[in-house]
Amino acid sequence: MSEYNAGYLVGIIFGVFVMCAAVLIFLRLTRKEHSSKNDYDERQMLVRGKGDRYAFVTLFVYNLIYVLFGDYIELIAVRSVVLFMGIILSTWVYVVYTVWNDGYFSLNEKPKSWIGIFAAIAIVNTINGIQDMYYYGVIQNGVISETVIGLMEGCCIFFILAVIMAKSFLEKREGQNEE
């Protein structure tokens, strides 16, 4: 094994350990109790199931539209961007439905901790997306290229963050009105 391959392997192993440590830290920060298992009640499970179905139908309809009009759509953007947009739309449907119906976070999770994590991930993805677009350009061969996917990810997570914060704000406001 050459020195380059050995260094590469050590880097991968170190990266795996760092990611495992990060997951453990995230679990510690986001849980009310020290359980790694999510604790959902029956109502939340029903909400999550409905959210899954709505997201699936959204993605199904989106892909059906893509099958019917894909040749025209690909005149605007490359296939990976178009298909990723379908994933983003179905994710939005799931998140909005489950957050508004109190099924997104389990009973033993702290939603406020997730806000910070989502914000950090959104910022990193947005910065990477903007850098990719700056260095490689948005338009390649006359269509929108894959370089916009990082920015799309960042915007998707910012949208999710906005929905969670709006729901939190409304719950806090309703709590104040009841007093």
N, C-alpha and C. Protein backbone atom coordinates (compact mmCIF):
# COMPACT_ATOMS: atom_id res chain seq x y z
N MET A 1 0.86 -1.17 0.00
CA MET A 1 0.00 0.00 0.00
C MET A 1 0.91 1.24 0.00
N SER A 2 0.63 2.13 -0.89
CA SER A 2 1.45 3.34 -0.98
C SER A 2 1.11 4.31 0.15
N GLU A 3 1.99 5.29 0.34
CA GLU A 3 1.76 6.27 1.40
C GLU A 3 0.48 7.06 1.15
N TYR A 4 0.21 7.34 -0.13
CA TYR A 4 -0.98 8.10 -0.47
C TYR A 4 -2.23 7.31 -0.07
N ASN A 5 -2.28 6.02 -0.40
CA ASN A 5 -3.44 5.20 -0.06
C ASN A 5 -3.59 5.03 1.44
N ALA A 6 -2.48 4.89 2.16
CA ALA A 6 -2.53 4.75 3.62
C ALA A 6 -3.07 6.03 4.25
N GLY A 7 -2.62 7.18 3.77
CA GLY A 7 -3.12 8.45 4.29
C GLY A 7 -4.59 8.65 3.99
N TYR A 8 -5.00 8.23 2.81
CA TYR A 8 -6.40 8.32 2.41
C TYR A 8 -7.26 7.45 3.33
N LEU A 9 -6.80 6.23 3.62
CA LEU A 9 -7.52 5.31 4.48
C LEU A 9 -7.61 5.85 5.91
N VAL A 10 -6.53 6.41 6.42
CA VAL A 10 -6.54 7.00 7.75
C VAL A 10 -7.53 8.17 7.80
N GLY A 11 -7.56 8.96 6.75
CA GLY A 11 -8.50 10.08 6.68
C GLY A 11 -9.94 9.61 6.71
N ILE A 12 -10.25 8.54 5.99
CA ILE A 12 -11.61 8.00 5.97
C ILE A 12 -11.99 7.48 7.35
N ILE A 13 -11.09 6.74 7.98
CA ILE A 13 -11.37 6.19 9.31
C ILE A 13 -11.56 7.33 10.31
N PHE A 14 -10.73 8.34 10.25
CA PHE A 14 -10.87 9.49 11.14
C PHE A 14 -12.20 10.20 10.90
N GLY A 15 -12.58 10.35 9.64
CA GLY A 15 -13.85 10.98 9.30
C GLY A 15 -15.04 10.20 9.85
N VAL A 16 -14.98 8.88 9.79
CA VAL A 16 -16.05 8.05 10.33
C VAL A 16 -16.16 8.26 11.85
N PHE A 17 -15.02 8.28 12.54
CA PHE A 17 -15.05 8.51 13.99
C PHE A 17 -15.60 9.89 14.33
N VAL A 18 -15.22 10.90 13.57
CA VAL A 18 -15.72 12.25 13.82
C VAL A 18 -17.23 12.31 13.60
N MET A 19 -17.72 11.67 12.55
CA MET A 19 -19.16 11.68 12.28
C MET A 19 -19.93 10.93 13.38
N CYS A 20 -19.38 9.80 13.86
CA CYS A 20 -20.03 9.08 14.95
C CYS A 20 -20.10 9.94 16.21
N ALA A 21 -19.02 10.64 16.50
CA ALA A 21 -19.01 11.54 17.65
C ALA A 21 -20.02 12.67 17.47
N ALA A 22 -20.11 13.21 16.25
CA ALA A 22 -21.06 14.29 15.98
C ALA A 22 -22.49 13.80 16.17
N VAL A 23 -22.80 12.58 15.72
CA VAL A 23 -24.15 12.03 15.89
C VAL A 23 -24.46 11.87 17.38
N LEU A 24 -23.51 11.37 18.14
CA LEU A 24 -23.73 11.22 19.58
C LEU A 24 -23.96 12.56 20.27
N ILE A 25 -23.20 13.57 19.86
CA ILE A 25 -23.39 14.91 20.42
C ILE A 25 -24.75 15.47 20.04
N PHE A 26 -25.16 15.28 18.78
CA PHE A 26 -26.49 15.75 18.35
C PHE A 26 -27.58 15.06 19.15
N LEU A 27 -27.46 13.75 19.35
CA LEU A 27 -28.46 13.04 20.14
C LEU A 27 -28.51 13.57 21.57
N ARG A 28 -27.37 13.85 22.12
CA ARG A 28 -27.31 14.38 23.50
C ARG A 28 -27.96 15.77 23.58
N LEU A 29 -27.73 16.60 22.56
CA LEU A 29 -28.26 17.96 22.58
C LEU A 29 -29.75 18.02 22.28
N THR A 30 -30.25 17.09 21.49
CA THR A 30 -31.63 17.20 21.02
C THR A 30 -32.63 16.37 21.81
N ARG A 31 -32.19 15.60 22.76
CA ARG A 31 -33.10 14.74 23.53
C ARG A 31 -33.35 15.31 24.91
N LYS A 32 -34.59 15.19 25.35
CA LYS A 32 -34.93 15.58 26.73
C LYS A 32 -34.42 14.51 27.69
N GLU A 33 -34.58 13.26 27.28
CA GLU A 33 -34.09 12.14 28.07
C GLU A 33 -32.90 11.56 27.33
N HIS A 34 -32.18 10.69 27.96
CA HIS A 34 -30.98 10.15 27.34
C HIS A 34 -31.27 8.86 26.59
N SER A 35 -32.35 8.85 25.87
CA SER A 35 -32.72 7.70 25.05
C SER A 35 -32.42 8.00 23.60
N SER A 36 -31.88 7.03 22.89
CA SER A 36 -31.59 7.25 21.47
C SER A 36 -32.81 6.92 20.61
N LYS A 37 -33.83 6.31 21.20
CA LYS A 37 -35.03 5.94 20.46
C LYS A 37 -36.05 7.07 20.52
N ASN A 38 -36.67 7.36 19.37
CA ASN A 38 -37.73 8.37 19.34
C ASN A 38 -38.98 7.82 19.99
N ASP A 39 -39.69 8.70 20.69
CA ASP A 39 -40.88 8.31 21.45
C ASP A 39 -42.07 9.09 20.91
N TYR A 40 -42.83 8.47 20.00
CA TYR A 40 -44.00 9.10 19.41
C TYR A 40 -45.26 8.47 19.99
N ASP A 41 -46.31 9.28 20.20
CA ASP A 41 -47.58 8.71 20.62
C ASP A 41 -48.37 8.29 19.37
N GLU A 42 -49.55 7.69 19.59
CA GLU A 42 -50.32 7.16 18.46
C GLU A 42 -50.75 8.25 17.49
N ARG A 43 -51.15 9.39 18.01
CA ARG A 43 -51.58 10.49 17.14
C ARG A 43 -50.43 10.96 16.26
N GLN A 44 -49.24 11.07 16.84
CA GLN A 44 -48.09 11.50 16.07
C GLN A 44 -47.74 10.47 14.99
N MET A 45 -47.89 9.19 15.30
CA MET A 45 -47.61 8.15 14.31
C MET A 45 -48.59 8.26 13.13
N LEU A 46 -49.86 8.56 13.44
CA LEU A 46 -50.84 8.75 12.37
C LEU A 46 -50.49 9.97 11.51
N VAL A 47 -50.10 11.05 12.17
CA VAL A 47 -49.72 12.27 11.44
C VAL A 47 -48.52 11.99 10.55
N ARG A 48 -47.53 11.28 11.07
CA ARG A 48 -46.34 10.97 10.28
C ARG A 48 -46.70 10.07 9.10
N GLY A 49 -47.61 9.13 9.31
CA GLY A 49 -48.05 8.26 8.22
C GLY A 49 -48.76 9.03 7.12
N LYS A 50 -49.65 9.94 7.53
CA LYS A 50 -50.33 10.78 6.53
C LYS A 50 -49.34 11.67 5.81
N GLY A 51 -48.39 12.23 6.55
CA GLY A 51 -47.36 13.05 5.93
C GLY A 51 -46.56 12.27 4.90
N ASP A 52 -46.23 11.01 5.24
CA ASP A 52 -45.52 10.15 4.28
C ASP A 52 -46.34 9.96 3.01
N ARG A 53 -47.62 9.68 3.18
CA ARG A 53 -48.47 9.47 2.01
C ARG A 53 -48.58 10.73 1.15
N TYR A 54 -48.78 11.89 1.80
CA TYR A 54 -48.87 13.14 1.04
C TYR A 54 -47.56 13.43 0.31
N ALA A 55 -46.44 13.18 0.95
CA ALA A 55 -45.15 13.40 0.31
C ALA A 55 -44.96 12.43 -0.86
N PHE A 56 -45.37 11.17 -0.67
CA PHE A 56 -45.26 10.19 -1.74
C PHE A 56 -46.11 10.59 -2.94
N VAL A 57 -47.35 11.00 -2.68
CA VAL A 57 -48.23 11.41 -3.78
C VAL A 57 -47.65 12.63 -4.49
N THR A 58 -47.10 13.56 -3.73
CA THR A 58 -46.47 14.74 -4.33
C THR A 58 -45.34 14.33 -5.26
N LEU A 59 -44.46 13.45 -4.78
CA LEU A 59 -43.34 13.00 -5.60
C LEU A 59 -43.82 12.19 -6.80
N PHE A 60 -44.86 11.39 -6.61
CA PHE A 60 -45.41 10.60 -7.71
C PHE A 60 -45.96 11.51 -8.81
N VAL A 61 -46.75 12.50 -8.42
CA VAL A 61 -47.32 13.43 -9.40
C VAL A 61 -46.21 14.24 -10.08
N TYR A 62 -45.23 14.67 -9.30
CA TYR A 62 -44.11 15.41 -9.87
C TYR A 62 -43.37 14.57 -10.90
N ASN A 63 -43.10 13.31 -10.56
CA ASN A 63 -42.40 12.44 -11.51
C ASN A 63 -43.25 12.12 -12.72
N LEU A 64 -44.56 12.02 -12.53
CA LEU A 64 -45.46 11.81 -13.66
C LEU A 64 -45.40 13.00 -14.62
N ILE A 65 -45.42 14.19 -14.06
CA ILE A 65 -45.28 15.40 -14.88
C ILE A 65 -43.94 15.40 -15.59
N TYR A 66 -42.90 14.95 -14.88
CA TYR A 66 -41.57 14.90 -15.49
C TYR A 66 -41.54 13.89 -16.64
N VAL A 67 -42.19 12.75 -16.46
CA VAL A 67 -42.24 11.76 -17.54
C VAL A 67 -42.95 12.32 -18.76
N LEU A 68 -44.03 13.06 -18.53
CA LEU A 68 -44.81 13.60 -19.63
C LEU A 68 -44.13 14.78 -20.32
N PHE A 69 -43.49 15.63 -19.54
CA PHE A 69 -42.93 16.87 -20.08
C PHE A 69 -41.43 17.00 -19.88
N GLY A 70 -40.75 15.90 -19.59
CA GLY A 70 -39.33 15.94 -19.28
C GLY A 70 -38.46 16.51 -20.38
N ASP A 71 -38.80 16.21 -21.63
CA ASP A 71 -37.99 16.74 -22.73
C ASP A 71 -38.02 18.26 -22.77
N TYR A 72 -39.16 18.84 -22.45
CA TYR A 72 -39.27 20.30 -22.44
C TYR A 72 -38.61 20.90 -21.20
N ILE A 73 -38.77 20.21 -20.06
CA ILE A 73 -38.19 20.71 -18.82
C ILE A 73 -36.67 20.69 -18.89
N GLU A 74 -36.11 19.66 -19.55
CA GLU A 74 -34.66 19.55 -19.64
C GLU A 74 -34.05 20.59 -20.59
N LEU A 75 -34.89 21.36 -21.27
CA LEU A 75 -34.39 22.51 -22.03
C LEU A 75 -34.02 23.65 -21.08
N ILE A 76 -34.54 23.59 -19.85
CA ILE A 76 -34.29 24.64 -18.85
C ILE A 76 -33.20 24.22 -17.88
N ALA A 77 -33.26 22.98 -17.39
CA ALA A 77 -32.31 22.51 -16.37
C ALA A 77 -31.95 21.06 -16.62
N VAL A 78 -30.77 20.65 -16.14
CA VAL A 78 -30.33 19.27 -16.30
C VAL A 78 -31.20 18.35 -15.46
N ARG A 79 -31.21 17.08 -15.82
CA ARG A 79 -32.08 16.09 -15.19
C ARG A 79 -31.91 16.04 -13.68
N SER A 80 -30.68 16.06 -13.18
CA SER A 80 -30.47 15.93 -11.73
C SER A 80 -31.10 17.09 -10.97
N VAL A 81 -31.07 18.29 -11.52
CA VAL A 81 -31.68 19.45 -10.87
C VAL A 81 -33.20 19.30 -10.85
N VAL A 82 -33.75 18.86 -11.95
CA VAL A 82 -35.21 18.70 -12.05
C VAL A 82 -35.69 17.63 -11.08
N LEU A 83 -35.00 16.50 -11.04
CA LEU A 83 -35.41 15.43 -10.14
C LEU A 83 -35.20 15.81 -8.67
N PHE A 84 -34.13 16.55 -8.39
CA PHE A 84 -33.89 16.98 -7.02
C PHE A 84 -34.98 17.95 -6.56
N MET A 85 -35.50 18.75 -7.46
CA MET A 85 -36.58 19.65 -7.10
C MET A 85 -37.83 18.88 -6.66
N GLY A 86 -38.08 17.73 -7.27
CA GLY A 86 -39.19 16.87 -6.84
C GLY A 86 -38.98 16.36 -5.43
N ILE A 87 -37.74 15.99 -5.11
CA ILE A 87 -37.43 15.54 -3.76
C ILE A 87 -37.65 16.67 -2.76
N ILE A 88 -37.22 17.87 -3.13
CA ILE A 88 -37.41 19.02 -2.25
C ILE A 88 -38.90 19.29 -2.02
N LEU A 89 -39.69 19.26 -3.08
CA LEU A 89 -41.12 19.52 -2.93
C LEU A 89 -41.80 18.49 -2.02
N SER A 90 -41.47 17.23 -2.20
CA SER A 90 -42.09 16.21 -1.36
C SER A 90 -41.60 16.32 0.09
N THR A 91 -40.36 16.73 0.28
CA THR A 91 -39.85 16.97 1.63
C THR A 91 -40.61 18.11 2.28
N TRP A 92 -40.83 19.19 1.54
CA TRP A 92 -41.60 20.32 2.07
C TRP A 92 -43.00 19.90 2.47
N VAL A 93 -43.65 19.10 1.64
CA VAL A 93 -45.01 18.65 1.96
C VAL A 93 -45.00 17.87 3.27
N TYR A 94 -44.05 16.95 3.41
CA TYR A 94 -43.97 16.15 4.63
C TYR A 94 -43.71 17.01 5.86
N VAL A 95 -42.73 17.89 5.75
CA VAL A 95 -42.34 18.71 6.91
C VAL A 95 -43.47 19.65 7.31
N VAL A 96 -44.05 20.34 6.35
CA VAL A 96 -45.12 21.29 6.69
C VAL A 96 -46.29 20.57 7.34
N TYR A 97 -46.69 19.43 6.77
CA TYR A 97 -47.83 18.71 7.34
C TYR A 97 -47.52 18.21 8.75
N THR A 98 -46.35 17.59 8.93
CA THR A 98 -46.05 17.01 10.24
C THR A 98 -45.75 18.08 11.30
N VAL A 99 -45.11 19.16 10.90
CA VAL A 99 -44.83 20.22 11.89
C VAL A 99 -46.14 20.87 12.32
N TRP A 100 -47.02 21.21 11.38
CA TRP A 100 -48.27 21.90 11.74
C TRP A 100 -49.21 21.00 12.53
N ASN A 101 -49.04 19.68 12.41
CA ASN A 101 -49.89 18.75 13.15
C ASN A 101 -49.15 18.08 14.31
N ASP A 102 -48.04 18.67 14.74
CA ASP A 102 -47.26 18.22 15.90
C ASP A 102 -46.80 16.77 15.82
N GLY A 103 -46.40 16.35 14.64
CA GLY A 103 -45.90 14.98 14.50
C GLY A 103 -44.45 14.91 14.09
N TYR A 104 -43.79 16.04 13.89
CA TYR A 104 -42.42 16.04 13.37
C TYR A 104 -41.40 15.67 14.44
N PHE A 105 -41.54 16.23 15.63
CA PHE A 105 -40.61 15.95 16.72
C PHE A 105 -41.24 14.95 17.67
N SER A 106 -40.42 14.02 18.15
CA SER A 106 -40.92 13.03 19.11
C SER A 106 -41.11 13.69 20.47
N LEU A 107 -41.74 12.97 21.36
CA LEU A 107 -42.04 13.51 22.69
C LEU A 107 -40.78 13.77 23.51
N ASN A 108 -39.70 13.05 23.23
CA ASN A 108 -38.49 13.22 24.02
C ASN A 108 -37.43 14.06 23.29
N GLU A 109 -37.82 14.81 22.28
CA GLU A 109 -36.89 15.70 21.58
C GLU A 109 -37.13 17.15 21.96
N LYS A 110 -36.06 17.93 21.86
CA LYS A 110 -36.13 19.37 22.12
C LYS A 110 -36.09 20.10 20.77
N PRO A 111 -37.23 20.60 20.30
CA PRO A 111 -37.25 21.27 18.99
C PRO A 111 -36.31 22.47 18.89
N LYS A 112 -36.11 23.18 19.99
CA LYS A 112 -35.24 24.36 19.94
C LYS A 112 -33.80 23.98 19.62
N SER A 113 -33.37 22.81 20.05
CA SER A 113 -32.02 22.35 19.72
C SER A 113 -31.89 22.08 18.23
N TRP A 114 -32.95 21.55 17.64
CA TRP A 114 -32.92 21.26 16.21
C TRP A 114 -32.86 22.53 15.39
N ILE A 115 -33.41 23.62 15.90
CA ILE A 115 -33.37 24.88 15.15
C ILE A 115 -31.93 25.30 14.91
N GLY A 116 -31.09 25.21 15.91
CA GLY A 116 -29.67 25.55 15.74
C GLY A 116 -28.97 24.63 14.77
N ILE A 117 -29.27 23.34 14.85
CA ILE A 117 -28.64 22.37 13.95
C ILE A 117 -29.09 22.63 12.51
N PHE A 118 -30.40 22.83 12.32
CA PHE A 118 -30.90 23.13 10.97
C PHE A 118 -30.29 24.42 10.42
N ALA A 119 -30.17 25.42 11.26
CA ALA A 119 -29.58 26.69 10.81
C ALA A 119 -28.13 26.48 10.37
N ALA A 120 -27.36 25.74 11.13
CA ALA A 120 -25.96 25.49 10.77
C ALA A 120 -25.87 24.73 9.45
N ILE A 121 -26.68 23.70 9.29
CA ILE A 121 -26.65 22.92 8.05
C ILE A 121 -27.09 23.78 6.87
N ALA A 122 -28.11 24.59 7.05
CA ALA A 122 -28.59 25.46 5.97
C ALA A 122 -27.52 26.47 5.56
N ILE A 123 -26.85 27.04 6.53
CA ILE A 123 -25.81 28.03 6.22
C ILE A 123 -24.67 27.39 5.45
N VAL A 124 -24.22 26.22 5.90
CA VAL A 124 -23.11 25.53 5.22
C VAL A 124 -23.51 25.16 3.79
N ASN A 125 -24.71 24.60 3.62
CA ASN A 125 -25.15 24.23 2.27
C ASN A 125 -25.30 25.45 1.37
N THR A 126 -25.83 26.53 1.90
CA THR A 126 -26.01 27.74 1.10
C THR A 126 -24.66 28.31 0.67
N ILE A 127 -23.71 28.36 1.60
CA ILE A 127 -22.38 28.87 1.26
C ILE A 127 -21.71 27.98 0.22
N ASN A 128 -21.78 26.67 0.41
CA ASN A 128 -21.20 25.77 -0.59
C ASN A 128 -21.87 25.91 -1.95
N GLY A 129 -23.19 26.07 -1.95
CA GLY A 129 -23.92 26.24 -3.20
C GLY A 129 -23.53 27.52 -3.91
N ILE A 130 -23.38 28.60 -3.17
CA ILE A 130 -22.99 29.88 -3.77
C ILE A 130 -21.56 29.78 -4.31
N GLN A 131 -20.68 29.12 -3.56
CA GLN A 131 -19.31 28.94 -4.06
C GLN A 131 -19.28 28.12 -5.34
N ASP A 132 -20.04 27.03 -5.38
CA ASP A 132 -20.10 26.21 -6.59
C ASP A 132 -20.61 27.02 -7.78
N MET A 133 -21.65 27.79 -7.54
CA MET A 133 -22.21 28.60 -8.63
C MET A 133 -21.21 29.66 -9.08
N TYR A 134 -20.45 30.22 -8.15
CA TYR A 134 -19.47 31.24 -8.49
C TYR A 134 -18.32 30.65 -9.30
N TYR A 135 -17.80 29.51 -8.87
CA TYR A 135 -16.64 28.93 -9.53
C TYR A 135 -16.97 28.22 -10.84
N TYR A 136 -18.11 27.55 -10.90
CA TYR A 136 -18.44 26.73 -12.07
C TYR A 136 -19.53 27.32 -12.95
N GLY A 137 -20.22 28.34 -12.44
CA GLY A 137 -21.29 28.96 -13.22
C GLY A 137 -22.61 28.25 -13.04
N VAL A 138 -23.67 28.97 -13.26
CA VAL A 138 -25.02 28.42 -13.12
C VAL A 138 -25.47 27.78 -14.41
N ILE A 139 -25.17 28.42 -15.52
CA ILE A 139 -25.59 27.94 -16.83
C ILE A 139 -24.42 27.24 -17.51
N GLN A 140 -24.63 25.99 -17.90
CA GLN A 140 -23.64 25.24 -18.67
C GLN A 140 -24.36 24.59 -19.83
N ASN A 141 -23.82 24.78 -21.01
CA ASN A 141 -24.43 24.25 -22.24
C ASN A 141 -25.86 24.75 -22.43
N GLY A 142 -26.14 25.94 -21.97
CA GLY A 142 -27.44 26.55 -22.19
C GLY A 142 -28.53 26.17 -21.22
N VAL A 143 -28.22 25.35 -20.20
CA VAL A 143 -29.23 24.95 -19.21
C VAL A 143 -28.67 25.15 -17.80
N ILE A 144 -29.56 25.16 -16.83
CA ILE A 144 -29.15 25.28 -15.44
C ILE A 144 -28.43 23.99 -15.04
N SER A 145 -27.23 24.13 -14.46
CA SER A 145 -26.40 22.96 -14.16
C SER A 145 -26.57 22.49 -12.72
N GLU A 146 -25.85 21.41 -12.39
CA GLU A 146 -25.91 20.83 -11.04
C GLU A 146 -25.36 21.75 -9.97
N THR A 147 -24.69 22.80 -10.35
CA THR A 147 -24.08 23.69 -9.37
C THR A 147 -25.12 24.37 -8.48
N VAL A 148 -26.38 24.40 -8.90
CA VAL A 148 -27.42 25.04 -8.09
C VAL A 148 -27.97 24.12 -7.00
N ILE A 149 -27.60 22.84 -7.02
CA ILE A 149 -28.16 21.89 -6.06
C ILE A 149 -27.79 22.25 -4.63
N GLY A 150 -26.57 22.68 -4.39
CA GLY A 150 -26.18 23.08 -3.03
C GLY A 150 -27.02 24.23 -2.52
N LEU A 151 -27.27 25.21 -3.37
CA LEU A 151 -28.13 26.33 -2.97
C LEU A 151 -29.57 25.86 -2.77
N MET A 152 -30.03 24.94 -3.60
CA MET A 152 -31.37 24.39 -3.43
C MET A 152 -31.49 23.68 -2.07
N GLU A 153 -30.45 22.92 -1.69
CA GLU A 153 -30.46 22.25 -0.39
C GLU A 153 -30.53 23.26 0.74
N GLY A 154 -29.70 24.30 0.64
CA GLY A 154 -29.70 25.33 1.68
C GLY A 154 -31.05 26.01 1.80
N CYS A 155 -31.66 26.35 0.67
CA CYS A 155 -32.97 26.99 0.68
C CYS A 155 -34.03 26.05 1.24
N CYS A 156 -33.94 24.77 0.91
CA CYS A 156 -34.89 23.79 1.44
C CYS A 156 -34.82 23.73 2.95
N ILE A 157 -33.62 23.70 3.49
CA ILE A 157 -33.47 23.61 4.94
C ILE A 157 -33.87 24.92 5.61
N PHE A 158 -33.58 26.05 4.96
CA PHE A 158 -34.06 27.34 5.51
C PHE A 158 -35.58 27.37 5.55
N PHE A 159 -36.23 26.82 4.52
CA PHE A 159 -37.69 26.75 4.50
C PHE A 159 -38.21 25.90 5.66
N ILE A 160 -37.58 24.74 5.86
CA ILE A 160 -37.96 23.86 6.97
C ILE A 160 -37.77 24.59 8.30
N LEU A 161 -36.67 25.28 8.43
CA LEU A 161 -36.40 26.06 9.64
C LEU A 161 -37.46 27.13 9.85
N ALA A 162 -37.86 27.80 8.79
CA ALA A 162 -38.89 28.84 8.88
C ALA A 162 -40.23 28.25 9.33
N VAL A 163 -40.58 27.08 8.82
CA VAL A 163 -41.84 26.43 9.22
C VAL A 163 -41.80 26.07 10.70
N ILE A 164 -40.68 25.51 11.14
CA ILE A 164 -40.55 25.12 12.55
C ILE A 164 -40.62 26.35 13.45
N MET A 165 -39.95 27.42 13.06
CA MET A 165 -39.97 28.64 13.87
C MET A 165 -41.33 29.30 13.87
N ALA A 166 -42.04 29.28 12.73
CA ALA A 166 -43.39 29.85 12.67
C ALA A 166 -44.33 29.08 13.58
N LYS A 167 -44.25 27.75 13.55
CA LYS A 167 -45.09 26.93 14.42
C LYS A 167 -44.77 27.21 15.89
N SER A 168 -43.49 27.32 16.21
CA SER A 168 -43.08 27.61 17.59
C SER A 168 -43.60 28.98 18.03
N PHE A 169 -43.51 29.96 17.14
CA PHE A 169 -44.01 31.31 17.43
C PHE A 169 -45.52 31.29 17.69
N LEU A 170 -46.26 30.58 16.84
CA LEU A 170 -47.71 30.52 17.01
C LEU A 170 -48.10 29.79 18.29
N GLU A 171 -47.38 28.73 18.63
CA GLU A 171 -47.67 28.03 19.89
C GLU A 171 -47.40 28.92 21.09
N LYS A 172 -46.31 29.67 21.03
CA LYS A 172 -45.98 30.58 22.12
C LYS A 172 -47.05 31.67 22.23
N ARG A 173 -47.50 32.17 21.09
CA ARG A 173 -48.53 33.23 21.07
C ARG A 173 -49.85 32.70 21.63
N GLU A 174 -50.23 31.46 21.24
CA GLU A 174 -51.46 30.87 21.75
C GLU A 174 -51.37 30.65 23.26
N GLY A 175 -50.18 30.27 23.74
CA GLY A 175 -49.98 30.10 25.19
C GLY A 175 -50.15 31.41 25.94
N GLN A 176 -49.70 32.50 25.35
CA GLN A 176 -49.84 33.81 25.99
C GLN A 176 -51.29 34.27 25.97
N ASN A 177 -52.03 33.95 24.91
CA ASN A 177 -53.44 34.34 24.81
C ASN A 177 -54.30 33.57 25.80
N GLU A 178 -53.90 32.34 26.13
CA GLU A 178 -54.68 31.54 27.07
C GLU A 178 -54.51 32.06 28.51
N GLU A 179 -53.39 32.71 28.79
CA GLU A 179 -53.13 33.20 30.15
C GLU A 179 -53.90 34.42 30.49
